[in-house]
């Protein structure tokens, strides 16, 4: 019984020592004398694979000498990648890592009175899921090292791995849709997202606030500078406010004569044409194409030059039966298609 109790006490002591090592890494500043005592190893940030929307990256240490514990800080593109898990490459105890925004901390220590790792050693393998296609980076910013004698050093390798992920985005309601390719391209570009239930809802009608946000993101407008005010400013959602004001400041979209913006009103095809043409910076005078539509009488005089230019520039077209349908509400599929056409021009 005594031997079992003694063994248990030894194990508890080992674990407690490991926790103290991790605590020291997290709270102790490195002094110059300690830094000089340890050899200067090198590190490698290696992209292992990109499969099934999962990215796997390893951190490898080279020329290590008695590495007992470490803490590393990494930065990644949280807009495109979502941290999933970390697997230790060496025996010991790893603090459960948690990503905070773009930053990730990994801390690991051996347990008990053992020597640290020397030579070349896989330290950790990280797994991320792809949220959005395109180029993104993972950076190993700095790493703290502790040997079995509790000497500590710190290094800033600043290693970076660039990841190019193809579109892993899929939606349950766009297969075979006429705008499927445009929707995926728009999501990859980052100016529109799907819904948490895995749908895109291409037929969902777009509000003026939503359209302003899409255009602002697509054109990468400066959302920090703005002084536009509206009588109904309190009705503009917080997530849309800076984008609405940026679009207004660039004169892409305007308010109404009563000084309201009406953020929750649906965006019409005529209004969409006006925003798209303003974004191109083109002047509008001719109305030839407008008069060719069978519903030309339904098009307001202010909208005719914009619609003419939108049609002539191949940004927009009619909806069938030679109609433009200026007062029809814009859908999400139509919005992304027109915005992509503007970007191509």
Protein backbone atom coordinates (compact mmCIF):
# COMPACT_ATOMS: atom_id res chain seq x y z
CA UNK A 1 0.00 0.00 0.00
CA UNK A 2 2.84 2.39 0.92
CA UNK A 3 4.62 1.72 -2.37
CA UNK A 4 1.45 2.54 -4.34
CA UNK A 5 0.97 5.74 -2.36
CA UNK A 6 4.60 6.70 -2.93
CA UNK A 7 4.30 6.06 -6.68
CA UNK A 8 1.19 8.18 -6.82
CA UNK A 9 2.97 11.01 -5.00
CA UNK A 10 5.85 10.80 -7.48
CA UNK A 11 3.45 11.00 -10.44
CA UNK A 12 1.69 13.99 -8.91
CA UNK A 13 5.07 15.64 -8.36
CA UNK A 14 6.01 15.04 -12.02
CA UNK A 15 2.80 16.58 -13.31
CA UNK A 16 3.12 19.51 -10.91
CA UNK A 17 6.67 20.12 -12.12
CA UNK A 18 5.41 20.16 -15.71
CA UNK A 19 2.77 22.73 -14.86
CA UNK A 20 5.45 24.89 -13.21
CA UNK A 21 7.55 24.67 -16.37
CA UNK A 22 4.63 25.79 -18.52
CA UNK A 23 3.84 28.57 -16.06
CA UNK A 24 7.45 29.73 -16.21
CA UNK A 25 7.35 29.82 -20.01
CA UNK A 26 4.22 31.93 -20.00
CA UNK A 27 5.27 34.41 -17.32
CA UNK A 28 9.09 34.66 -17.20
CA UNK A 29 11.05 37.15 -19.24
CA UNK A 30 14.23 35.85 -20.90
CA UNK A 31 17.55 37.20 -19.66
CA UNK A 32 20.65 37.48 -21.84
CA UNK A 33 22.73 35.05 -19.77
CA UNK A 34 20.16 32.31 -20.11
CA UNK A 35 19.81 32.90 -23.83
CA UNK A 36 23.54 32.43 -24.36
CA UNK A 37 23.60 29.11 -22.50
CA UNK A 38 21.44 27.31 -25.05
CA UNK A 39 22.40 26.35 -28.57
CA UNK A 40 20.67 28.18 -31.39
CA UNK A 41 18.50 25.66 -33.19
CA UNK A 42 16.53 26.39 -36.34
CA UNK A 43 12.90 25.76 -37.13
CA UNK A 44 10.85 24.78 -40.14
CA UNK A 45 7.20 25.53 -40.89
CA UNK A 46 6.09 22.85 -43.33
CA UNK A 47 2.85 22.58 -45.31
CA UNK A 48 2.01 18.87 -45.32
CA UNK A 49 -1.24 18.70 -47.26
CA UNK A 50 -4.47 20.34 -48.37
CA UNK A 51 -7.20 17.72 -48.67
CA UNK A 52 -10.97 17.80 -48.28
CA UNK A 53 -10.88 21.44 -47.16
CA UNK A 54 -8.34 20.61 -44.43
CA UNK A 55 -4.87 22.16 -44.23
CA UNK A 56 -2.14 20.41 -42.24
CA UNK A 57 1.02 22.26 -41.19
CA UNK A 58 3.93 21.02 -39.08
CA UNK A 59 6.51 22.84 -36.98
CA UNK A 60 9.85 21.02 -36.95
CA UNK A 61 12.91 21.83 -34.85
CA UNK A 62 16.44 21.25 -36.17
CA UNK A 63 19.67 20.98 -34.14
CA UNK A 64 17.75 20.95 -30.88
CA UNK A 65 19.63 20.40 -27.64
CA UNK A 66 17.80 19.08 -24.58
CA UNK A 67 14.43 20.67 -25.45
CA UNK A 68 12.23 19.93 -22.44
CA UNK A 69 9.40 22.41 -23.02
CA UNK A 70 8.36 25.08 -25.48
CA UNK A 71 5.76 27.74 -26.14
CA UNK A 72 5.21 28.97 -29.69
CA UNK A 73 3.05 31.81 -31.00
CA UNK A 74 1.59 31.66 -34.48
CA UNK A 75 -0.54 33.97 -36.60
CA UNK A 76 -2.95 32.82 -39.31
CA UNK A 77 -5.60 34.28 -41.60
CA UNK A 78 -8.78 33.71 -39.59
CA UNK A 79 -10.89 35.04 -42.45
CA UNK A 80 -9.90 32.07 -44.60
CA UNK A 81 -8.77 29.43 -42.09
CA UNK A 82 -10.37 28.04 -38.96
CA UNK A 83 -8.09 26.34 -36.42
CA UNK A 84 -9.21 22.75 -35.74
CA UNK A 85 -6.64 20.96 -33.58
CA UNK A 86 -2.97 20.46 -32.72
CA UNK A 87 -1.11 17.17 -32.25
CA UNK A 88 2.16 16.97 -30.31
CA UNK A 89 5.13 15.43 -32.08
CA UNK A 90 6.92 14.47 -28.88
CA UNK A 91 5.98 12.78 -25.61
CA UNK A 92 4.67 14.99 -22.81
CA UNK A 93 1.82 17.27 -21.83
CA UNK A 94 0.29 19.87 -24.18
CA UNK A 95 -1.95 22.68 -23.01
CA UNK A 96 -5.17 22.58 -25.03
CA UNK A 97 -4.57 25.32 -27.63
CA UNK A 98 -7.18 27.97 -28.29
CA UNK A 99 -7.18 30.43 -31.17
CA UNK A 100 -7.94 34.06 -30.36
CA UNK A 101 -8.71 35.94 -33.53
CA UNK A 102 -5.70 35.53 -35.84
CA UNK A 103 -3.42 34.24 -33.07
CA UNK A 104 -2.65 30.77 -31.75
CA UNK A 105 -0.48 29.70 -28.81
CA UNK A 106 0.92 26.16 -28.43
CA UNK A 107 2.61 25.14 -25.13
CA UNK A 108 4.12 21.70 -24.44
CA UNK A 109 6.34 20.14 -21.77
CA UNK A 110 7.80 16.77 -20.92
CA UNK A 111 6.85 15.20 -17.59
CA UNK A 112 9.24 14.16 -14.81
CA UNK A 113 13.01 13.97 -14.58
CA UNK A 114 13.85 13.15 -18.19
CA UNK A 115 16.18 14.62 -20.76
CA UNK A 116 14.81 16.89 -23.43
CA UNK A 117 14.78 16.20 -27.17
CA UNK A 118 17.93 16.74 -29.20
CA UNK A 119 18.61 16.79 -32.92
CA UNK A 120 15.73 17.07 -35.37
CA UNK A 121 12.24 16.72 -33.91
CA UNK A 122 8.65 17.23 -35.03
CA UNK A 123 7.20 19.59 -32.42
CA UNK A 124 3.56 19.89 -33.42
CA UNK A 125 1.18 19.33 -36.32
CA UNK A 126 -1.62 21.86 -36.77
CA UNK A 127 -4.85 21.34 -38.65
CA UNK A 128 -7.02 24.10 -40.12
CA UNK A 129 -10.26 23.93 -42.07
CA UNK A 130 -10.59 26.11 -45.16
CA UNK A 131 -13.38 28.68 -44.80
CA UNK A 132 -12.69 30.64 -47.96
CA UNK A 133 -10.55 29.90 -51.00
CA UNK A 134 -7.55 31.96 -52.03
CA UNK A 135 -4.11 32.76 -50.63
CA UNK A 136 -3.62 32.83 -46.88
CA UNK A 137 -0.59 32.67 -44.59
CA UNK A 138 0.46 30.95 -41.38
CA UNK A 139 3.37 32.56 -39.53
CA UNK A 140 5.51 31.17 -36.70
CA UNK A 141 6.24 34.44 -34.92
CA UNK A 142 8.28 33.39 -31.90
CA UNK A 143 9.10 30.42 -29.71
CA UNK A 144 10.35 30.04 -26.13
CA UNK A 145 12.55 27.03 -25.31
CA UNK A 146 13.30 25.42 -21.93
CA UNK A 147 15.86 22.66 -21.30
CA UNK A 148 15.72 20.00 -18.59
CA UNK A 149 17.77 22.26 -16.28
CA UNK A 150 15.10 24.96 -16.71
CA UNK A 151 17.35 27.26 -18.71
CA UNK A 152 15.22 29.27 -21.09
CA UNK A 153 15.80 31.03 -24.39
CA UNK A 154 13.62 32.80 -26.91
CA UNK A 155 13.74 32.99 -30.70
CA UNK A 156 11.81 34.90 -33.35
CA UNK A 157 12.10 32.81 -36.53
CA UNK A 158 9.20 34.66 -38.22
CA UNK A 159 8.66 31.75 -40.61
CA UNK A 160 5.74 32.02 -43.00
CA UNK A 161 3.94 29.45 -45.13
CA UNK A 162 1.60 30.60 -47.90
CA UNK A 163 -1.40 28.41 -48.55
CA UNK A 164 -3.44 28.47 -51.72
CA UNK A 165 -6.71 26.68 -51.15
CA UNK A 166 -9.11 25.99 -53.94
CA UNK A 167 -12.76 26.69 -53.31
CA UNK A 168 -13.98 24.35 -50.61
CA UNK A 169 -17.21 26.25 -50.32
CA UNK A 170 -20.41 24.47 -51.25
CA UNK A 171 -24.05 25.31 -50.71
CA UNK A 172 -26.98 22.95 -50.64
CA UNK A 173 -29.25 25.16 -52.76
CA UNK A 174 -27.21 26.36 -55.76
CA UNK A 175 -26.37 23.18 -57.68
CA UNK A 176 -27.42 23.77 -61.27
CA UNK A 177 -28.44 27.37 -60.58
CA UNK A 178 -27.73 29.77 -63.45
CA UNK A 179 -25.50 31.86 -61.14
CA UNK A 180 -23.71 28.97 -59.40
CA UNK A 181 -20.24 29.83 -60.73
CA UNK A 182 -20.69 33.54 -59.96
CA UNK A 183 -21.91 32.80 -56.44
CA UNK A 184 -18.86 30.66 -55.65
CA UNK A 185 -16.55 33.30 -57.14
CA UNK A 186 -18.20 36.04 -55.09
CA UNK A 187 -17.89 34.03 -51.87
CA UNK A 188 -14.23 33.32 -52.66
CA UNK A 189 -13.70 37.05 -53.25
CA UNK A 190 -15.08 37.70 -49.78
CA UNK A 191 -17.80 40.24 -50.45
CA UNK A 192 -20.71 37.93 -49.63
CA UNK A 193 -21.21 34.85 -47.47
CA UNK A 194 -23.64 32.00 -47.18
CA UNK A 195 -25.82 31.17 -44.20
CA UNK A 196 -24.97 28.99 -41.21
CA UNK A 197 -27.37 26.27 -42.37
CA UNK A 198 -25.23 25.67 -45.47
CA UNK A 199 -27.49 27.54 -47.89
CA UNK A 200 -26.85 30.60 -50.03
CA UNK A 201 -30.49 31.49 -50.76
CA UNK A 202 -29.90 32.85 -54.28
CA UNK A 203 -33.53 33.96 -54.67
CA UNK A 204 -33.51 35.92 -51.40
CA UNK A 205 -34.20 39.61 -52.08
CA UNK A 206 -31.50 42.10 -51.13
CA UNK A 207 -32.02 45.20 -48.99
CA UNK A 208 -30.34 48.53 -49.70
CA UNK A 209 -28.09 48.05 -46.66
CA UNK A 210 -27.06 44.57 -47.78
CA UNK A 211 -26.29 45.76 -51.30
CA UNK A 212 -24.20 48.66 -49.99
CA UNK A 213 -22.17 46.24 -47.87
CA UNK A 214 -21.56 43.91 -50.83
CA UNK A 215 -20.38 46.76 -53.05
CA UNK A 216 -18.23 48.29 -50.34
CA UNK A 217 -16.48 44.99 -49.69
CA UNK A 218 -16.08 44.20 -53.39
CA UNK A 219 -14.49 47.59 -54.12
CA UNK A 220 -12.56 47.57 -50.83
CA UNK A 221 -13.80 51.01 -49.88
CA UNK A 222 -12.28 52.85 -46.93
CA UNK A 223 -14.84 52.30 -44.18
CA UNK A 224 -12.98 54.39 -41.62
CA UNK A 225 -13.65 57.77 -43.19
CA UNK A 226 -17.23 58.86 -43.39
CA UNK A 227 -19.53 61.64 -42.33
CA UNK A 228 -22.77 60.78 -44.11
CA UNK A 229 -25.84 61.18 -41.90
CA UNK A 230 -29.45 60.22 -42.45
CA UNK A 231 -32.65 60.90 -40.58
CA UNK A 232 -33.08 57.14 -40.15
CA UNK A 233 -29.44 56.41 -39.29
CA UNK A 234 -30.59 54.52 -36.19
CA UNK A 235 -32.28 51.99 -38.49
CA UNK A 236 -29.05 51.10 -40.30
CA UNK A 237 -27.68 47.87 -38.75
CA UNK A 238 -24.32 48.22 -37.00
CA UNK A 239 -22.74 45.66 -39.35
CA UNK A 240 -23.75 47.80 -42.34
CA UNK A 241 -23.34 51.36 -41.07
CA UNK A 242 -19.70 52.01 -42.02
CA UNK A 243 -20.15 50.35 -45.42
CA UNK A 244 -23.29 52.36 -46.17
CA UNK A 245 -21.54 55.60 -45.28
CA UNK A 246 -18.47 54.67 -47.34
CA UNK A 247 -20.65 53.92 -50.39
CA UNK A 248 -22.54 57.20 -49.92
CA UNK A 249 -19.30 59.16 -49.58
CA UNK A 250 -18.10 57.69 -52.89
CA UNK A 251 -21.48 58.68 -54.36
CA UNK A 252 -22.20 55.12 -55.41
CA UNK A 253 -25.53 55.08 -53.63
CA UNK A 254 -27.70 57.96 -52.45
CA UNK A 255 -30.40 58.62 -49.94
CA UNK A 256 -33.87 60.00 -50.57
CA UNK A 257 -35.20 63.55 -50.73
CA UNK A 258 -36.47 63.28 -47.15
CA UNK A 259 -32.88 62.61 -45.96
CA UNK A 260 -33.54 58.95 -45.22
CA UNK A 261 -31.56 55.98 -46.47
CA UNK A 262 -34.21 53.30 -45.92
CA UNK A 263 -31.73 50.50 -45.24
CA UNK A 264 -34.36 47.80 -44.97
CA UNK A 265 -36.12 48.66 -48.24
CA UNK A 266 -35.54 46.19 -51.05
CA UNK A 267 -33.03 47.14 -53.74
CA UNK A 268 -34.64 47.54 -57.17
CA UNK A 269 -33.05 46.66 -60.51
CA UNK A 270 -33.11 50.34 -61.51
CA UNK A 271 -31.26 51.30 -58.32
CA UNK A 272 -28.74 48.50 -58.86
CA UNK A 273 -28.05 49.80 -62.37
CA UNK A 274 -27.36 53.28 -61.01
CA UNK A 275 -24.88 52.02 -58.39
CA UNK A 276 -23.09 49.78 -60.89
CA UNK A 277 -22.67 52.55 -63.47
CA UNK A 278 -21.47 55.05 -60.85
CA UNK A 279 -18.87 52.49 -59.74
CA UNK A 280 -17.54 52.42 -63.31
CA UNK A 281 -17.24 56.20 -63.29
CA UNK A 282 -19.08 56.57 -66.57
CA UNK A 283 -21.26 59.51 -67.57
CA UNK A 284 -24.81 58.81 -68.62
CA UNK A 285 -26.61 60.65 -71.42
CA UNK A 286 -27.91 58.20 -74.00
CA UNK A 287 -31.14 56.26 -73.48
CA UNK A 288 -31.24 54.31 -76.76
CA UNK A 289 -31.17 50.83 -75.23
CA UNK A 290 -33.85 51.75 -72.71
CA UNK A 291 -36.36 52.62 -75.41
CA UNK A 292 -35.93 49.15 -76.91
CA UNK A 293 -37.43 47.48 -73.84
CA UNK A 294 -41.16 46.79 -74.02
CA UNK A 295 -41.58 48.13 -70.48
CA UNK A 296 -39.63 51.36 -71.14
CA UNK A 297 -42.65 53.32 -69.90
CA UNK A 298 -42.11 51.80 -66.43
CA UNK A 299 -38.56 53.13 -66.19
CA UNK A 300 -38.22 56.43 -64.31
CA UNK A 301 -36.51 59.24 -66.20
CA UNK A 302 -33.66 59.45 -63.66
CA UNK A 303 -32.88 55.75 -64.16
CA UNK A 304 -32.90 55.62 -67.97
CA UNK A 305 -29.31 56.83 -68.59
CA UNK A 306 -27.99 54.42 -65.94
CA UNK A 307 -29.88 51.47 -67.38
CA UNK A 308 -28.71 52.34 -70.90
CA UNK A 309 -25.07 52.39 -69.75
CA UNK A 310 -25.47 49.19 -67.71
CA UNK A 311 -26.86 47.36 -70.75
CA UNK A 312 -24.32 48.84 -73.17
CA UNK A 313 -21.45 47.85 -70.83
CA UNK A 314 -22.89 44.32 -70.49
CA UNK A 315 -23.21 44.75 -66.75
CA UNK A 316 -26.94 44.07 -66.82
CA UNK A 317 -29.46 42.75 -69.30
CA UNK A 318 -33.20 42.26 -69.58
CA UNK A 319 -35.10 39.48 -67.84
CA UNK A 320 -36.93 37.96 -70.80
CA UNK A 321 -39.64 38.99 -73.24
CA UNK A 322 -37.53 42.07 -73.93
CA UNK A 323 -38.37 43.54 -70.52
CA UNK A 324 -36.01 45.24 -68.08
CA UNK A 325 -38.37 45.16 -65.09
CA UNK A 326 -36.85 48.20 -63.33
CA UNK A 327 -38.96 47.99 -60.19
CA UNK A 328 -38.40 44.28 -59.54
CA UNK A 329 -36.44 43.57 -56.37
CA UNK A 330 -32.86 42.36 -56.75
CA UNK A 331 -31.98 38.82 -55.63
CA UNK A 332 -28.70 37.73 -54.08
CA UNK A 333 -27.81 35.82 -57.25
CA UNK A 334 -28.42 38.89 -59.42
CA UNK A 335 -26.48 41.14 -57.05
CA UNK A 336 -23.30 39.05 -57.07
CA UNK A 337 -23.47 38.64 -60.86
CA UNK A 338 -23.70 42.39 -61.46
CA UNK A 339 -20.95 43.19 -58.94
CA UNK A 340 -18.62 40.69 -60.60
CA UNK A 341 -19.41 42.27 -63.97
CA UNK A 342 -18.43 45.66 -62.53
CA UNK A 343 -15.16 44.25 -61.20
CA UNK A 344 -14.37 42.78 -64.62
CA UNK A 345 -14.89 46.19 -66.23
